[in-house]
Amino acid sequence: MDIRYLVVGAPFIIAFFYTLYWLRKWGAFNTTNNVSKKMTQKNESIDQSYILENIFLTKN
């Protein structure tokens, strides 16, 4: 194996395992059924939707 492949590929391999480490630490691989507790949808009022529209609409 050429050393150039190792030099180019090593940062990607390290980043992959580092990402897996943080996902595991944050609980992404837990098999418990806590998804319904964490994903509660907040009630959005009409004013909040207008604020969101005003962010993306620009005046000419």
PDB file of N, CA and C in Angstrom:
ATOM      1  N   MET A   1       0.846  -1.188   0.000  1.00  0.00           N
ATOM      2  CA  MET A   1       0.000   0.000   0.000  1.00  0.00           C
ATOM      3  C   MET A   1       0.883   1.240   0.000  1.00  0.00           C
ATOM      4  N   ASP A   2       0.520   2.172  -0.794  1.00  0.00           N
ATOM      5  CA  ASP A   2       1.289   3.401  -0.902  1.00  0.00           C
ATOM      6  C   ASP A   2       0.977   4.313   0.289  1.00  0.00           C
ATOM      7  N   ILE A   3       1.986   5.001   0.758  1.00  0.00           N
ATOM      8  CA  ILE A   3       1.829   5.873   1.929  1.00  0.00           C
ATOM      9  C   ILE A   3       0.912   7.053   1.626  1.00  0.00           C
ATOM     10  N   ARG A   4       0.786   7.418   0.353  1.00  0.00           N
ATOM     11  CA  ARG A   4      -0.068   8.553  -0.008  1.00  0.00           C
ATOM     12  C   ARG A   4      -1.535   8.274   0.295  1.00  0.00           C
ATOM     13  N   TYR A   5      -1.962   7.016   0.105  1.00  0.00           N
ATOM     14  CA  TYR A   5      -3.346   6.668   0.432  1.00  0.00           C
ATOM     15  C   TYR A   5      -3.616   6.823   1.926  1.00  0.00           C
ATOM     16  N   LEU A   6      -2.643   6.464   2.724  1.00  0.00           N
ATOM     17  CA  LEU A   6      -2.789   6.594   4.170  1.00  0.00           C
ATOM     18  C   LEU A   6      -2.829   8.056   4.589  1.00  0.00           C
ATOM     19  N   VAL A   7      -1.993   8.879   3.972  1.00  0.00           N
ATOM     20  CA  VAL A   7      -1.947  10.297   4.320  1.00  0.00           C
ATOM     21  C   VAL A   7      -3.254  10.985   3.931  1.00  0.00           C
ATOM     22  N   VAL A   8      -3.800  10.636   2.781  1.00  0.00           N
ATOM     23  CA  VAL A   8      -5.030  11.267   2.318  1.00  0.00           C
ATOM     24  C   VAL A   8      -6.243  10.718   3.062  1.00  0.00           C
ATOM     25  N   GLY A   9      -6.279   9.438   3.345  1.00  0.00           N
ATOM     26  CA  GLY A   9      -7.453   8.814   3.932  1.00  0.00           C
ATOM     27  C   GLY A   9      -7.543   8.888   5.438  1.00  0.00           C
ATOM     28  N   ALA A  10      -6.420   9.084   6.119  1.00  0.00           N
ATOM     29  CA  ALA A  10      -6.419   9.076   7.581  1.00  0.00           C
ATOM     30  C   ALA A  10      -7.331  10.141   8.196  1.00  0.00           C
ATOM     31  N   PRO A  11      -7.343  11.385   7.740  1.00  0.00           N
ATOM     32  CA  PRO A  11      -8.257  12.362   8.348  1.00  0.00           C
ATOM     33  C   PRO A  11      -9.730  11.984   8.212  1.00  0.00           C
ATOM     34  N   PHE A  12     -10.104  11.359   7.108  1.00  0.00           N
ATOM     35  CA  PHE A  12     -11.493  10.950   6.929  1.00  0.00           C
ATOM     36  C   PHE A  12     -11.860   9.797   7.859  1.00  0.00           C
ATOM     37  N   ILE A  13     -10.927   8.873   8.045  1.00  0.00           N
ATOM     38  CA  ILE A  13     -11.176   7.758   8.956  1.00  0.00           C
ATOM     39  C   ILE A  13     -11.270   8.258  10.391  1.00  0.00           C
ATOM     40  N   ILE A  14     -10.406   9.175  10.763  1.00  0.00           N
ATOM     41  CA  ILE A  14     -10.449   9.748  12.119  1.00  0.00           C
ATOM     42  C   ILE A  14     -11.744  10.519  12.324  1.00  0.00           C
ATOM     43  N   ALA A  15     -12.162  11.299  11.340  1.00  0.00           N
ATOM     44  CA  ALA A  15     -13.405  12.062  11.458  1.00  0.00           C
ATOM     45  C   ALA A  15     -14.613  11.138  11.563  1.00  0.00           C
ATOM     46  N   PHE A  16     -14.595  10.023  10.857  1.00  0.00           N
ATOM     47  CA  PHE A  16     -15.694   9.068  10.919  1.00  0.00           C
ATOM     48  C   PHE A  16     -15.831   8.485  12.324  1.00  0.00           C
ATOM     49  N   PHE A  17     -14.728   8.036  12.898  1.00  0.00           N
ATOM     50  CA  PHE A  17     -14.794   7.455  14.238  1.00  0.00           C
ATOM     51  C   PHE A  17     -15.087   8.512  15.300  1.00  0.00           C
ATOM     52  N   TYR A  18     -14.618   9.722  15.094  1.00  0.00           N
ATOM     53  CA  TYR A  18     -14.916  10.806  16.024  1.00  0.00           C
ATOM     54  C   TYR A  18     -16.415  11.132  16.012  1.00  0.00           C
ATOM     55  N   THR A  19     -17.009  11.111  14.813  1.00  0.00           N
ATOM     56  CA  THR A  19     -18.448  11.331  14.703  1.00  0.00           C
ATOM     57  C   THR A  19     -19.225  10.213  15.387  1.00  0.00           C
ATOM     58  N   LEU A  20     -18.794   8.969  15.190  1.00  0.00           N
ATOM     59  CA  LEU A  20     -19.450   7.853  15.866  1.00  0.00           C
ATOM     60  C   LEU A  20     -19.336   7.972  17.378  1.00  0.00           C
ATOM     61  N   TYR A  21     -18.181   8.448  17.866  1.00  0.00           N
ATOM     62  CA  TYR A  21     -17.990   8.623  19.304  1.00  0.00           C
ATOM     63  C   TYR A  21     -19.002   9.621  19.874  1.00  0.00           C
ATOM     64  N   TRP A  22     -19.166  10.769  19.201  1.00  0.00           N
ATOM     65  CA  TRP A  22     -20.088  11.778  19.720  1.00  0.00           C
ATOM     66  C   TRP A  22     -21.543  11.347  19.575  1.00  0.00           C
ATOM     67  N   LEU A  23     -21.882  10.658  18.496  1.00  0.00           N
ATOM     68  CA  LEU A  23     -23.239  10.153  18.352  1.00  0.00           C
ATOM     69  C   LEU A  23     -23.567   9.154  19.456  1.00  0.00           C
ATOM     70  N   ARG A  24     -22.595   8.322  19.786  1.00  0.00           N
ATOM     71  CA  ARG A  24     -22.814   7.362  20.876  1.00  0.00           C
ATOM     72  C   ARG A  24     -22.927   8.071  22.209  1.00  0.00           C
ATOM     73  N   LYS A  25     -22.122   9.104  22.398  1.00  0.00           N
ATOM     74  CA  LYS A  25     -22.153   9.846  23.658  1.00  0.00           C
ATOM     75  C   LYS A  25     -23.475  10.598  23.814  1.00  0.00           C
ATOM     76  N   TRP A  26     -24.028  11.111  22.729  1.00  0.00           N
ATOM     77  CA  TRP A  26     -25.290  11.848  22.785  1.00  0.00           C
ATOM     78  C   TRP A  26     -26.503  10.928  22.822  1.00  0.00           C
ATOM     79  N   GLY A  27     -26.300   9.623  22.685  1.00  0.00           N
ATOM     80  CA  GLY A  27     -27.390   8.676  22.801  1.00  0.00           C
ATOM     81  C   GLY A  27     -28.105   8.372  21.507  1.00  0.00           C
ATOM     82  N   ALA A  28     -27.431   8.499  20.387  1.00  0.00           N
ATOM     83  CA  ALA A  28     -28.082   8.234  19.106  1.00  0.00           C
ATOM     84  C   ALA A  28     -28.319   6.750  18.881  1.00  0.00           C
ATOM     85  N   PHE A  29     -27.567   5.893  19.542  1.00  0.00           N
ATOM     86  CA  PHE A  29     -27.679   4.456  19.327  1.00  0.00           C
ATOM     87  C   PHE A  29     -28.420   3.752  20.452  1.00  0.00           C
ATOM     88  N   ASN A  30     -29.039   4.494  21.360  1.00  0.00           N
ATOM     89  CA  ASN A  30     -29.821   3.880  22.426  1.00  0.00           C
ATOM     90  C   ASN A  30     -31.084   3.286  21.834  1.00  0.00           C
ATOM     91  N   THR A  31     -31.434   2.089  22.308  1.00  0.00           N
ATOM     92  CA  THR A  31     -32.603   1.406  21.770  1.00  0.00           C
ATOM     93  C   THR A  31     -33.852   1.664  22.598  1.00  0.00           C
ATOM     94  N   THR A  32     -33.757   2.493  23.609  1.00  0.00           N
ATOM     95  CA  THR A  32     -34.942   2.791  24.405  1.00  0.00           C
ATOM     96  C   THR A  32     -35.912   3.621  23.591  1.00  0.00           C
ATOM     97  N   ASN A  33     -37.166   3.648  23.994  1.00  0.00           N
ATOM     98  CA  ASN A  33     -38.204   4.296  23.212  1.00  0.00           C
ATOM     99  C   ASN A  33     -38.487   5.696  23.744  1.00  0.00           C
ATOM    100  N   ASN A  34     -37.489   6.551  23.811  1.00  0.00           N
ATOM    101  CA  ASN A  34     -37.650   7.913  24.309  1.00  0.00           C
ATOM    102  C   ASN A  34     -37.887   8.910  23.193  1.00  0.00           C
ATOM    103  N   VAL A  35     -38.089   8.430  21.974  1.00  0.00           N
ATOM    104  CA  VAL A  35     -38.235   9.333  20.841  1.00  0.00           C
ATOM    105  C   VAL A  35     -39.499  10.167  20.992  1.00  0.00           C
ATOM    106  N   SER A  36     -40.574   9.560  21.465  1.00  0.00           N
ATOM    107  CA  SER A  36     -41.822  10.294  21.575  1.00  0.00           C
ATOM    108  C   SER A  36     -41.736  11.389  22.631  1.00  0.00           C
ATOM    109  N   LYS A  37     -40.919  11.197  23.647  1.00  0.00           N
ATOM    110  CA  LYS A  37     -40.769  12.218  24.683  1.00  0.00           C
ATOM    111  C   LYS A  37     -39.941  13.397  24.195  1.00  0.00           C
ATOM    112  N   LYS A  38     -38.918  13.115  23.394  1.00  0.00           N
ATOM    113  CA  LYS A  38     -38.013  14.173  22.955  1.00  0.00           C
ATOM    114  C   LYS A  38     -38.599  14.984  21.802  1.00  0.00           C
ATOM    115  N   MET A  39     -39.422  14.381  20.985  1.00  0.00           N
ATOM    116  CA  MET A  39     -39.918  15.044  19.788  1.00  0.00           C
ATOM    117  C   MET A  39     -41.328  15.576  20.024  1.00  0.00           C
ATOM    118  N   THR A  40     -41.466  16.485  20.937  1.00  0.00           N
ATOM    119  CA  THR A  40     -42.766  17.108  21.159  1.00  0.00           C
ATOM    120  C   THR A  40     -42.829  18.376  20.330  1.00  0.00           C
ATOM    121  N   GLN A  41     -43.909  18.530  19.620  1.00  0.00           N
ATOM    122  CA  GLN A  41     -44.067  19.683  18.739  1.00  0.00           C
ATOM    123  C   GLN A  41     -44.707  20.820  19.516  1.00  0.00           C
ATOM    124  N   LYS A  42     -44.117  21.991  19.411  1.00  0.00           N
ATOM    125  CA  LYS A  42     -44.646  23.163  20.089  1.00  0.00           C
ATOM    126  C   LYS A  42     -45.765  23.780  19.261  1.00  0.00           C
ATOM    127  N   ASN A  43     -46.690  24.387  19.935  1.00  0.00           N
ATOM    128  CA  ASN A  43     -47.770  25.073  19.236  1.00  0.00           C
ATOM    129  C   ASN A  43     -47.233  26.366  18.634  1.00  0.00           C
ATOM    130  N   GLU A  44     -47.436  26.515  17.343  1.00  0.00           N
ATOM    131  CA  GLU A  44     -46.960  27.721  16.666  1.00  0.00           C
ATOM    132  C   GLU A  44     -48.137  28.663  16.473  1.00  0.00           C
ATOM    133  N   SER A  45     -47.948  29.883  16.870  1.00  0.00           N
ATOM    134  CA  SER A  45     -49.002  30.867  16.656  1.00  0.00           C
ATOM    135  C   SER A  45     -48.859  31.479  15.265  1.00  0.00           C
ATOM    136  N   ILE A  46     -49.854  32.235  14.875  1.00  0.00           N
ATOM    137  CA  ILE A  46     -49.845  32.868  13.552  1.00  0.00           C
ATOM    138  C   ILE A  46     -48.748  33.920  13.484  1.00  0.00           C
ATOM    139  N   ASP A  47     -48.480  34.594  14.595  1.00  0.00           N
ATOM    140  CA  ASP A  47     -47.445  35.624  14.599  1.00  0.00           C
ATOM    141  C   ASP A  47     -46.069  35.027  14.321  1.00  0.00           C
ATOM    142  N   GLN A  48     -45.796  33.867  14.852  1.00  0.00           N
ATOM    143  CA  GLN A  48     -44.489  33.251  14.630  1.00  0.00           C
ATOM    144  C   GLN A  48     -44.310  32.883  13.169  1.00  0.00           C
ATOM    145  N   SER A  49     -45.361  32.432  12.502  1.00  0.00           N
ATOM    146  CA  SER A  49     -45.229  32.087  11.093  1.00  0.00           C
ATOM    147  C   SER A  49     -44.993  33.340  10.256  1.00  0.00           C
ATOM    148  N   TYR A  50     -45.614  34.465  10.643  1.00  0.00           N
ATOM    149  CA  TYR A  50     -45.356  35.706   9.917  1.00  0.00           C
ATOM    150  C   TYR A  50     -43.917  36.173  10.109  1.00  0.00           C
ATOM    151  N   ILE A  51     -43.380  36.001  11.295  1.00  0.00           N
ATOM    152  CA  ILE A  51     -41.989  36.383  11.542  1.00  0.00           C
ATOM    153  C   ILE A  51     -41.073  35.551  10.662  1.00  0.00           C
ATOM    154  N   LEU A  52     -41.353  34.255  10.542  1.00  0.00           N
ATOM    155  CA  LEU A  52     -40.537  33.384   9.711  1.00  0.00           C
ATOM    156  C   LEU A  52     -40.624  33.793   8.244  1.00  0.00           C
ATOM    157  N   GLU A  53     -41.822  34.171   7.782  1.00  0.00           N
ATOM    158  CA  GLU A  53     -41.952  34.612   6.398  1.00  0.00           C
ATOM    159  C   GLU A  53     -41.211  35.917   6.166  1.00  0.00           C
ATOM    160  N   ASN A  54     -41.210  36.815   7.131  1.00  0.00           N
ATOM    161  CA  ASN A  54     -40.534  38.086   6.958  1.00  0.00           C
ATOM    162  C   ASN A  54     -39.013  37.937   6.902  1.00  0.00           C
ATOM    163  N   ILE A  55     -38.497  36.873   7.486  1.00  0.00           N
ATOM    164  CA  ILE A  55     -37.050  36.647   7.408  1.00  0.00           C
ATOM    165  C   ILE A  55     -36.644  36.363   5.976  1.00  0.00           C
ATOM    166  N   PHE A  56     -37.441  35.551   5.273  1.00  0.00           N
ATOM    167  CA  PHE A  56     -37.042  35.092   3.946  1.00  0.00           C
ATOM    168  C   PHE A  56     -37.517  36.007   2.813  1.00  0.00           C
ATOM    169  N   LEU A  57     -38.500  36.843   3.083  1.00  0.00           N
ATOM    170  CA  LEU A  57     -38.967  37.759   2.045  1.00  0.00           C
ATOM    171  C   LEU A  57     -38.203  39.082   2.166  1.00  0.00           C
ATOM    172  N   THR A  58     -37.596  39.485   1.094  1.00  0.00           N
ATOM    173  CA  THR A  58     -36.854  40.740   1.097  1.00  0.00           C
ATOM    174  C   THR A  58     -37.653  41.806   0.367  1.00  0.00           C
ATOM    175  N   LYS A  59     -37.515  43.020   0.788  1.00  0.00           N
ATOM    176  CA  LYS A  59     -38.206  44.134   0.132  1.00  0.00           C
ATOM    177  C   LYS A  59     -37.299  44.738  -0.935  1.00  0.00           C
ATOM    178  N   ASN A  60     -37.890  45.048  -2.076  1.00  0.00           N
ATOM    179  CA  ASN A  60     -37.108  45.642  -3.174  1.00  0.00           C
ATOM    180  C   ASN A  60     -37.303  47.131  -3.199  1.00  0.00           C
TER     181      ASN A  60
END
